[in-house]
PDB file of N, CA and C in Angstrom:
ATOM      1  N   MET A   1      17.636   4.974 -50.402  1.00  0.00           N
ATOM      2  CA  MET A   1      17.885   6.330 -49.986  1.00  0.00           C
ATOM      3  C   MET A   1      19.099   6.911 -50.709  1.00  0.00           C
ATOM      4  N   VAL A   2      20.121   6.087 -50.885  1.00  0.00           N
ATOM      5  CA  VAL A   2      21.329   6.566 -51.555  1.00  0.00           C
ATOM      6  C   VAL A   2      21.022   6.916 -53.008  1.00  0.00           C
ATOM      7  N   VAL A   3      20.136   6.158 -53.634  1.00  0.00           N
ATOM      8  CA  VAL A   3      19.782   6.413 -55.028  1.00  0.00           C
ATOM      9  C   VAL A   3      19.074   7.764 -55.148  1.00  0.00           C
ATOM     10  N   LYS A   4      18.220   8.085 -54.190  1.00  0.00           N
ATOM     11  CA  LYS A   4      17.528   9.375 -54.209  1.00  0.00           C
ATOM     12  C   LYS A   4      18.514  10.524 -54.044  1.00  0.00           C
ATOM     13  N   ILE A   5      19.469  10.370 -53.156  1.00  0.00           N
ATOM     14  CA  ILE A   5      20.479  11.411 -52.957  1.00  0.00           C
ATOM     15  C   ILE A   5      21.330  11.555 -54.209  1.00  0.00           C
ATOM     16  N   TYR A   6      21.666  10.451 -54.835  1.00  0.00           N
ATOM     17  CA  TYR A   6      22.454  10.477 -56.063  1.00  0.00           C
ATOM     18  C   TYR A   6      21.700  11.201 -57.179  1.00  0.00           C
ATOM     19  N   GLY A   7      20.428  10.897 -57.318  1.00  0.00           N
ATOM     20  CA  GLY A   7      19.609  11.593 -58.307  1.00  0.00           C
ATOM     21  C   GLY A   7      19.478  13.074 -58.005  1.00  0.00           C
ATOM     22  N   LEU A   8      19.376  13.413 -56.728  1.00  0.00           N
ATOM     23  CA  LEU A   8      19.293  14.817 -56.321  1.00  0.00           C
ATOM     24  C   LEU A   8      20.575  15.563 -56.659  1.00  0.00           C
ATOM     25  N   ILE A   9      21.711  14.923 -56.497  1.00  0.00           N
ATOM     26  CA  ILE A   9      22.993  15.547 -56.844  1.00  0.00           C
ATOM     27  C   ILE A   9      23.034  15.862 -58.338  1.00  0.00           C
ATOM     28  N   TRP A  10      22.586  14.919 -59.181  1.00  0.00           N
ATOM     29  CA  TRP A  10      22.567  15.163 -60.622  1.00  0.00           C
ATOM     30  C   TRP A  10      21.571  16.254 -60.986  1.00  0.00           C
ATOM     31  N   ALA A  11      20.415  16.257 -60.327  1.00  0.00           N
ATOM     32  CA  ALA A  11      19.402  17.278 -60.617  1.00  0.00           C
ATOM     33  C   ALA A  11      19.895  18.671 -60.225  1.00  0.00           C
ATOM     34  N   LEU A  12      20.534  18.777 -59.066  1.00  0.00           N
ATOM     35  CA  LEU A  12      21.066  20.072 -58.638  1.00  0.00           C
ATOM     36  C   LEU A  12      22.204  20.537 -59.547  1.00  0.00           C
ATOM     37  N   GLY A  13      23.018  19.613 -59.994  1.00  0.00           N
ATOM     38  CA  GLY A  13      24.090  19.962 -60.923  1.00  0.00           C
ATOM     39  C   GLY A  13      23.548  20.460 -62.251  1.00  0.00           C
ATOM     40  N   ALA A  14      22.524  19.791 -62.755  1.00  0.00           N
ATOM     41  CA  ALA A  14      21.912  20.222 -64.013  1.00  0.00           C
ATOM     42  C   ALA A  14      21.221  21.566 -63.850  1.00  0.00           C
ATOM     43  N   LEU A  15      20.575  21.777 -62.718  1.00  0.00           N
ATOM     44  CA  LEU A  15      19.928  23.058 -62.450  1.00  0.00           C
ATOM     45  C   LEU A  15      20.958  24.185 -62.369  1.00  0.00           C
ATOM     46  N   ALA A  16      22.059  23.930 -61.678  1.00  0.00           N
ATOM     47  CA  ALA A  16      23.112  24.942 -61.570  1.00  0.00           C
ATOM     48  C   ALA A  16      23.722  25.251 -62.934  1.00  0.00           C
ATOM     49  N   ALA A  17      23.948  24.222 -63.740  1.00  0.00           N
ATOM     50  CA  ALA A  17      24.491  24.445 -65.086  1.00  0.00           C
ATOM     51  C   ALA A  17      23.507  25.240 -65.933  1.00  0.00           C
ATOM     52  N   GLY A  18      22.231  24.939 -65.823  1.00  0.00           N
ATOM     53  CA  GLY A  18      21.219  25.673 -66.572  1.00  0.00           C
ATOM     54  C   GLY A  18      21.142  27.137 -66.179  1.00  0.00           C
ATOM     55  N   VAL A  19      21.207  27.397 -64.879  1.00  0.00           N
ATOM     56  CA  VAL A  19      21.169  28.783 -64.406  1.00  0.00           C
ATOM     57  C   VAL A  19      22.404  29.538 -64.883  1.00  0.00           C
ATOM     58  N   LEU A  20      23.555  28.914 -64.771  1.00  0.00           N
ATOM     59  CA  LEU A  20      24.774  29.579 -65.231  1.00  0.00           C
ATOM     60  C   LEU A  20      24.742  29.824 -66.731  1.00  0.00           C
ATOM     61  N   TYR A  21      24.195  28.892 -67.485  1.00  0.00           N
ATOM     62  CA  TYR A  21      24.106  29.061 -68.942  1.00  0.00           C
ATOM     63  C   TYR A  21      23.153  30.202 -69.304  1.00  0.00           C
ATOM     64  N   LEU A  22      22.004  30.225 -68.645  1.00  0.00           N
ATOM     65  CA  LEU A  22      21.008  31.243 -68.967  1.00  0.00           C
ATOM     66  C   LEU A  22      21.453  32.644 -68.555  1.00  0.00           C
ATOM     67  N   THR A  23      22.278  32.753 -67.520  1.00  0.00           N
ATOM     68  CA  THR A  23      22.757  34.062 -67.094  1.00  0.00           C
ATOM     69  C   THR A  23      24.020  34.482 -67.833  1.00  0.00           C
ATOM     70  N   GLY A  24      24.573  33.597 -68.662  1.00  0.00           N
ATOM     71  CA  GLY A  24      25.759  33.939 -69.436  1.00  0.00           C
ATOM     72  C   GLY A  24      27.070  33.746 -68.698  1.00  0.00           C
ATOM     73  N   ASN A  25      27.041  33.052 -67.581  1.00  0.00           N
ATOM     74  CA  ASN A  25      28.244  32.834 -66.777  1.00  0.00           C
ATOM     75  C   ASN A  25      28.872  31.458 -66.976  1.00  0.00           C
ATOM     76  N   PHE A  26      28.400  30.713 -67.964  1.00  0.00           N
ATOM     77  CA  PHE A  26      28.923  29.364 -68.206  1.00  0.00           C
ATOM     78  C   PHE A  26      30.145  29.466 -69.123  1.00  0.00           C
ATOM     79  N   THR A  27      31.269  29.829 -68.534  1.00  0.00           N
ATOM     80  CA  THR A  27      32.513  30.020 -69.277  1.00  0.00           C
ATOM     81  C   THR A  27      33.201  28.671 -69.493  1.00  0.00           C
ATOM     82  N   PRO A  28      34.229  28.620 -70.320  1.00  0.00           N
ATOM     83  CA  PRO A  28      34.947  27.356 -70.507  1.00  0.00           C
ATOM     84  C   PRO A  28      35.562  26.806 -69.208  1.00  0.00           C
ATOM     85  N   ILE A  29      36.007  27.674 -68.328  1.00  0.00           N
ATOM     86  CA  ILE A  29      36.560  27.196 -67.047  1.00  0.00           C
ATOM     87  C   ILE A  29      35.466  26.560 -66.195  1.00  0.00           C
ATOM     88  N   VAL A  30      34.290  27.170 -66.176  1.00  0.00           N
ATOM     89  CA  VAL A  30      33.157  26.603 -65.445  1.00  0.00           C
ATOM     90  C   VAL A  30      32.750  25.277 -66.067  1.00  0.00           C
ATOM     91  N   ASN A  31      32.827  25.184 -67.381  1.00  0.00           N
ATOM     92  CA  ASN A  31      32.521  23.938 -68.073  1.00  0.00           C
ATOM     93  C   ASN A  31      33.477  22.827 -67.631  1.00  0.00           C
ATOM     94  N   ILE A  32      34.750  23.145 -67.509  1.00  0.00           N
ATOM     95  CA  ILE A  32      35.739  22.163 -67.045  1.00  0.00           C
ATOM     96  C   ILE A  32      35.437  21.740 -65.610  1.00  0.00           C
ATOM     97  N   LEU A  33      35.062  22.694 -64.773  1.00  0.00           N
ATOM     98  CA  LEU A  33      34.731  22.356 -63.381  1.00  0.00           C
ATOM     99  C   LEU A  33      33.501  21.445 -63.305  1.00  0.00           C
ATOM    100  N   PHE A  34      32.498  21.734 -64.121  1.00  0.00           N
ATOM    101  CA  PHE A  34      31.328  20.857 -64.153  1.00  0.00           C
ATOM    102  C   PHE A  34      31.703  19.474 -64.674  1.00  0.00           C
ATOM    103  N   GLY A  35      32.627  19.395 -65.607  1.00  0.00           N
ATOM    104  CA  GLY A  35      33.082  18.100 -66.097  1.00  0.00           C
ATOM    105  C   GLY A  35      33.775  17.288 -65.016  1.00  0.00           C
ATOM    106  N   ILE A  36      34.607  17.956 -64.231  1.00  0.00           N
ATOM    107  CA  ILE A  36      35.303  17.269 -63.138  1.00  0.00           C
ATOM    108  C   ILE A  36      34.299  16.793 -62.091  1.00  0.00           C
ATOM    109  N   LEU A  37      33.322  17.637 -61.760  1.00  0.00           N
ATOM    110  CA  LEU A  37      32.311  17.236 -60.778  1.00  0.00           C
ATOM    111  C   LEU A  37      31.436  16.100 -61.313  1.00  0.00           C
ATOM    112  N   SER A  38      31.128  16.125 -62.594  1.00  0.00           N
ATOM    113  CA  SER A  38      30.344  15.040 -63.193  1.00  0.00           C
ATOM    114  C   SER A  38      31.122  13.730 -63.197  1.00  0.00           C
ATOM    115  N   PHE A  39      32.404  13.822 -63.482  1.00  0.00           N
ATOM    116  CA  PHE A  39      33.264  12.642 -63.445  1.00  0.00           C
ATOM    117  C   PHE A  39      33.271  12.029 -62.049  1.00  0.00           C
ATOM    118  N   GLY A  40      33.370  12.871 -61.026  1.00  0.00           N
ATOM    119  CA  GLY A  40      33.321  12.387 -59.648  1.00  0.00           C
ATOM    120  C   GLY A  40      31.976  11.792 -59.304  1.00  0.00           C
ATOM    121  N   ALA A  41      30.895  12.387 -59.798  1.00  0.00           N
ATOM    122  CA  ALA A  41      29.559  11.867 -59.504  1.00  0.00           C
ATOM    123  C   ALA A  41      29.342  10.510 -60.161  1.00  0.00           C
ATOM    124  N   ILE A  42      29.922  10.306 -61.332  1.00  0.00           N
ATOM    125  CA  ILE A  42      29.802   9.001 -61.995  1.00  0.00           C
ATOM    126  C   ILE A  42      30.479   7.922 -61.158  1.00  0.00           C
ATOM    127  N   PHE A  43      31.665   8.194 -60.656  1.00  0.00           N
ATOM    128  CA  PHE A  43      32.348   7.199 -59.833  1.00  0.00           C
ATOM    129  C   PHE A  43      31.680   7.024 -58.486  1.00  0.00           C
ATOM    130  N   MET A  44      31.071   8.086 -57.948  1.00  0.00           N
ATOM    131  CA  MET A  44      30.304   7.933 -56.723  1.00  0.00           C
ATOM    132  C   MET A  44      29.135   6.983 -56.972  1.00  0.00           C
ATOM    133  N   GLY A  45      28.523   7.079 -58.140  1.00  0.00           N
ATOM    134  CA  GLY A  45      27.434   6.172 -58.473  1.00  0.00           C
ATOM    135  C   GLY A  45      27.899   4.742 -58.597  1.00  0.00           C
ATOM    136  N   MET A  46      29.086   4.551 -59.175  1.00  0.00           N
ATOM    137  CA  MET A  46      29.615   3.195 -59.310  1.00  0.00           C
ATOM    138  C   MET A  46      29.907   2.582 -57.944  1.00  0.00           C
ATOM    139  N   ILE A  47      30.392   3.387 -57.022  1.00  0.00           N
ATOM    140  CA  ILE A  47      30.796   2.866 -55.725  1.00  0.00           C
ATOM    141  C   ILE A  47      29.613   2.720 -54.771  1.00  0.00           C
ATOM    142  N   ALA A  48      28.695   3.695 -54.782  1.00  0.00           N
ATOM    143  CA  ALA A  48      27.631   3.701 -53.782  1.00  0.00           C
ATOM    144  C   ALA A  48      26.292   3.195 -54.312  1.00  0.00           C
ATOM    145  N   VAL A  49      25.936   3.541 -55.522  1.00  0.00           N
ATOM    146  CA  VAL A  49      24.585   3.262 -55.994  1.00  0.00           C
ATOM    147  C   VAL A  49      24.481   1.920 -56.699  1.00  0.00           C
ATOM    148  N   LEU A  50      25.413   1.593 -57.574  1.00  0.00           N
ATOM    149  CA  LEU A  50      25.299   0.353 -58.342  1.00  0.00           C
ATOM    150  C   LEU A  50      25.237  -0.904 -57.483  1.00  0.00           C
ATOM    151  N   PRO A  51      26.058  -1.035 -56.436  1.00  0.00           N
ATOM    152  CA  PRO A  51      25.916  -2.253 -55.622  1.00  0.00           C
ATOM    153  C   PRO A  51      24.540  -2.374 -54.969  1.00  0.00           C
ATOM    154  N   LEU A  52      23.925  -1.248 -54.630  1.00  0.00           N
ATOM    155  CA  LEU A  52      22.596  -1.313 -54.019  1.00  0.00           C
ATOM    156  C   LEU A  52      21.531  -1.711 -55.032  1.00  0.00           C
ATOM    157  N   THR A  53      21.681  -1.278 -56.268  1.00  0.00           N
ATOM    158  CA  THR A  53      20.657  -1.568 -57.266  1.00  0.00           C
ATOM    159  C   THR A  53      20.855  -2.927 -57.934  1.00  0.00           C
ATOM    160  N   GLU A  54      22.049  -3.465 -57.906  1.00  0.00           N
ATOM    161  CA  GLU A  54      22.335  -4.712 -58.613  1.00  0.00           C
ATOM    162  C   GLU A  54      22.188  -5.946 -57.736  1.00  0.00           C
ATOM    163  N   THR A  55      22.190  -5.794 -56.439  1.00  0.00           N
ATOM    164  CA  THR A  55      22.033  -6.968 -55.569  1.00  0.00           C
ATOM    165  C   THR A  55      20.546  -7.260 -55.384  1.00  0.00           C
ATOM    166  N   HIS A  56      20.248  -8.518 -55.232  1.00  0.00           N
ATOM    167  CA  HIS A  56      18.873  -8.937 -55.065  1.00  0.00           C
ATOM    168  C   HIS A  56      18.650  -9.331 -53.628  1.00  0.00           C
ATOM    169  N   HIS A  57      17.898  -8.520 -52.923  1.00  0.00           N
ATOM    170  CA  HIS A  57      17.617  -8.800 -51.525  1.00  0.00           C
ATOM    171  C   HIS A  57      16.401  -9.723 -51.433  1.00  0.00           C
ATOM    172  N   SER A  58      16.446 -10.611 -50.464  1.00  0.00           N
ATOM    173  CA  SER A  58      15.288 -11.465 -50.261  1.00  0.00           C
ATOM    174  C   SER A  58      14.189 -10.630 -49.603  1.00  0.00           C
ATOM    175  N   PRO A  59      12.950 -10.920 -49.912  1.00  0.00           N
ATOM    176  CA  PRO A  59      11.861 -10.138 -49.312  1.00  0.00           C
ATOM    177  C   PRO A  59      11.823 -10.327 -47.804  1.00  0.00           C
ATOM    178  N   SER A  60      11.631  -9.222 -47.089  1.00  0.00           N
ATOM    179  CA  SER A  60      11.578  -9.313 -45.625  1.00  0.00           C
ATOM    180  C   SER A  60      10.234  -9.879 -45.195  1.00  0.00           C
ATOM    181  N   LYS A  61      10.282 -10.676 -44.138  1.00  0.00           N
ATOM    182  CA  LYS A  61       9.066 -11.357 -43.659  1.00  0.00           C
ATOM    183  C   LYS A  61       8.570 -10.702 -42.395  1.00  0.00           C
TER     184      LYS A  61
END
């Protein structure tokens, strides 16, 4: 579930960046803000998503 939410965050961020770019509102300041948010999303993935995807759970019986 966390992986789906993480992917949704990236998809919404890309959609927002695309809309801002197409409307001409993607200024350098907005670019910096998207960079900061992307940096935070990368670390959120390291903390929340990677441990879930890298551990091997035994099959439930």
